Structures are given as structure tokens and as C-alpha cells.
Amino acid sequence: MARLLGLAEANMPETVDDLRSYVQDMAYSDQLAATPQGRHIAQQILFPPVPDVLRPILHLNLQITNALLPEPIRKMYGLDWGPKRQQAFELSFAAVRKIIPHLPTSLRLFPVTHKMMELGEVPLPRHMRNMGLS
């Protein structure tokens, strides 16, 4: 993804921890700004054009996105979020994490993800290695 966005190989974080540190440093720096282009992209991410039947899912998309964004980014874009909402999200997410492993694979994975795992393009998660998916 970073290459698609124009990041040079030499500038890519080497580990997930390096990436997390970079994101944390940037989010809490004074180097970011919500430009008109950034606001337009955020609007498209939070409220993508979807058929009317899928509109109720947009609220879920907004809640998940808000929960995962660092606080300074939410403030920068004027997204309403607070400690009670974050706690509700974390409790819901913990419940989902307990339920998902008990669902059939067809309900846990997008078809494209399953195909990529079969082709070896995406590593199979440890908990799924003995399920006959590889």
C-alpha cells in the first residue's frame, strides 16, 4: 500500500512496531492538517456512495473508523467521539473477537481473503492453520 501512495522503499518502516511509532508520532505532531482535499477524501471514506439497502451499514463504518483513529485526527476532522463511545466500542469489539472464532470460515473471511490465503499471498493466521485451508 505504501508504494501505491508513493512512499520510497528507503522510507518504509521495517516493522509493525516502527509503523505504529511513526503513526503515533505523526498523529500527535503539528505536521498534519485537514486540507480541503483531505476533508473530501474523509467524507468519501466515512460516507461512501452505496445502494440505499446498505445505508444502515454506514453508521457502523463511521463508528469503527472513529474508534480506530487517533484522537488528534478525530479532532482535526471535527469527528464527534468521547470516552463513553470508545468504551462501548471496545466492549463490543471484545465480544465480537470472542464470537468470530466460532463462526464457519465462510462467515469469517471475505472470499478474496480466503483465495489469497489459498494462493499463499496472505499468511494463514495461526489459529486457522490446521483447518484444511492451506
Protein backbone atom coordinates (compact mmCIF):
# COMPACT_ATOMS: atom_id res chain seq x y z
CA MET A 1 0.00 0.00 0.00
CA ALA A 2 2.80 2.43 0.89
CA ARG A 3 4.35 2.01 -2.56
CA LEU A 4 0.99 2.78 -4.17
CA LEU A 5 0.90 6.02 -2.19
CA GLY A 6 4.38 6.97 -3.40
CA LEU A 7 6.46 6.11 -0.34
CA ALA A 8 10.03 5.19 -1.27
CA GLU A 9 11.32 1.81 -0.11
CA ALA A 10 14.02 3.51 1.98
CA ASN A 11 11.38 5.44 3.94
CA MET A 12 9.14 2.47 4.78
CA PRO A 13 9.02 1.34 8.39
CA GLU A 14 10.77 -2.01 8.78
CA THR A 15 8.46 -3.49 11.40
CA VAL A 16 4.87 -3.14 12.56
CA ASP A 17 6.17 -1.51 15.75
CA ASP A 18 8.11 1.03 13.64
CA LEU A 19 4.91 1.79 11.73
CA ARG A 20 2.92 2.20 14.95
CA SER A 21 5.56 4.53 16.34
CA TYR A 22 5.56 6.60 13.14
CA VAL A 23 1.76 6.90 13.11
CA GLN A 24 1.75 7.86 16.81
CA ASP A 25 4.47 10.47 16.30
CA MET A 26 2.74 12.00 13.26
CA ALA A 27 -0.76 11.98 14.80
CA TYR A 28 0.47 13.89 17.85
CA SER A 29 2.73 16.28 15.92
CA ASP A 30 1.89 19.64 14.43
CA GLN A 31 2.78 18.40 10.93
CA LEU A 32 -0.71 17.30 9.87
CA ALA A 33 -3.61 19.44 8.70
CA ALA A 34 -7.10 18.73 7.41
CA THR A 35 -6.88 20.24 3.94
CA PRO A 36 -9.95 20.61 1.70
CA GLN A 37 -8.72 17.59 -0.29
CA GLY A 38 -8.27 15.61 2.93
CA ARG A 39 -11.76 16.53 4.10
CA HIS A 40 -13.17 15.44 0.74
CA ILE A 41 -11.40 12.06 0.98
CA ALA A 42 -12.54 11.65 4.60
CA GLN A 43 -16.13 12.34 3.53
CA GLN A 44 -15.87 9.65 0.86
CA ILE A 45 -14.39 7.13 3.32
CA LEU A 46 -16.93 7.82 6.06
CA PHE A 47 -19.94 8.17 3.75
CA PRO A 48 -19.19 6.26 0.55
CA PRO A 49 -21.81 6.09 -2.18
CA VAL A 50 -23.76 2.90 -1.52
CA PRO A 51 -27.13 1.49 -2.56
CA ASP A 52 -29.97 2.51 -0.25
CA VAL A 53 -30.23 -1.00 1.16
CA LEU A 54 -26.67 -0.68 2.56
CA ARG A 55 -27.11 2.80 4.08
CA PRO A 56 -27.61 1.46 7.65
CA ILE A 57 -24.11 -0.03 7.46
CA LEU A 58 -22.64 3.46 7.01
CA HIS A 59 -23.26 4.18 10.69
CA LEU A 60 -21.21 1.11 11.60
CA ASN A 61 -18.47 2.24 9.18
CA LEU A 62 -18.41 5.67 10.86
CA GLN A 63 -18.25 4.16 14.37
CA ILE A 64 -15.41 1.75 13.53
CA THR A 65 -13.43 4.44 11.73
CA ASN A 66 -13.85 6.88 14.63
CA ALA A 67 -12.80 4.27 17.15
CA LEU A 68 -9.63 3.42 15.27
CA LEU A 69 -8.46 6.97 14.58
CA PRO A 70 -6.07 8.69 16.99
CA GLU A 71 -7.79 11.44 18.99
CA PRO A 72 -5.89 14.32 17.32
CA ILE A 73 -7.07 13.15 13.89
CA ARG A 74 -10.68 12.93 15.06
CA LYS A 75 -10.42 16.48 16.42
CA MET A 76 -8.76 17.72 13.24
CA TYR A 77 -11.70 16.49 11.17
CA GLY A 78 -14.35 17.51 13.71
CA LEU A 79 -15.50 13.93 14.36
CA ASP A 80 -17.65 13.57 17.47
CA TRP A 81 -16.23 10.90 19.79
CA GLY A 82 -15.71 10.57 23.50
CA PRO A 83 -14.63 8.18 26.26
CA LYS A 84 -18.08 6.57 26.61
CA ARG A 85 -18.29 5.81 22.91
CA GLN A 86 -14.74 4.46 22.93
CA GLN A 87 -15.54 2.20 25.88
CA ALA A 88 -18.73 0.95 24.19
CA PHE A 89 -16.74 0.22 21.04
CA GLU A 90 -14.04 -1.66 22.96
CA LEU A 91 -16.63 -3.78 24.80
CA SER A 92 -18.43 -4.56 21.52
CA PHE A 93 -15.17 -5.39 19.80
CA ALA A 94 -14.15 -7.72 22.66
CA ALA A 95 -17.47 -9.56 22.28
CA VAL A 96 -17.03 -9.86 18.51
CA ARG A 97 -13.50 -11.24 18.99
CA LYS A 98 -14.94 -14.00 21.20
CA ILE A 99 -17.72 -14.87 18.73
CA ILE A 100 -15.86 -14.81 15.41
CA PRO A 101 -13.59 -17.84 16.03
CA HIS A 102 -16.73 -19.97 16.45
CA LEU A 103 -18.24 -18.97 13.10
CA PRO A 104 -17.73 -21.02 9.95
CA THR A 105 -14.83 -19.87 7.78
CA SER A 106 -17.25 -18.70 5.10
CA LEU A 107 -18.61 -16.11 7.56
CA ARG A 108 -15.21 -15.12 8.96
CA LEU A 109 -13.35 -14.34 5.76
CA PHE A 110 -14.06 -12.35 2.64
CA PRO A 111 -13.86 -14.64 -0.41
CA VAL A 112 -10.90 -12.66 -1.78
CA THR A 113 -9.02 -13.09 1.51
CA HIS A 114 -9.69 -16.83 1.50
CA LYS A 115 -8.43 -17.07 -2.09
CA MET A 116 -5.28 -15.09 -1.27
CA MET A 117 -4.60 -17.42 1.65
CA GLU A 118 -5.01 -20.44 -0.62
CA LEU A 119 -2.55 -18.92 -3.07
CA GLY A 120 -0.09 -18.15 -0.28
CA GLU A 121 -0.29 -14.39 -0.91
CA VAL A 122 -1.55 -13.76 2.62
CA PRO A 123 -0.25 -15.85 5.52
CA LEU A 124 -2.81 -18.07 7.15
CA PRO A 125 -3.45 -16.98 10.76
CA ARG A 126 -2.05 -19.38 13.36
CA HIS A 127 -5.48 -20.38 14.66
CA MET A 128 -6.56 -21.45 11.15
CA ARG A 129 -3.50 -23.47 10.06
CA ASN A 130 -4.99 -26.86 10.98
CA MET A 131 -8.39 -26.22 9.37
CA GLY A 132 -7.55 -27.52 5.90
CA LEU A 133 -7.50 -24.10 4.26
CA SER A 134 -3.91 -24.09 3.03
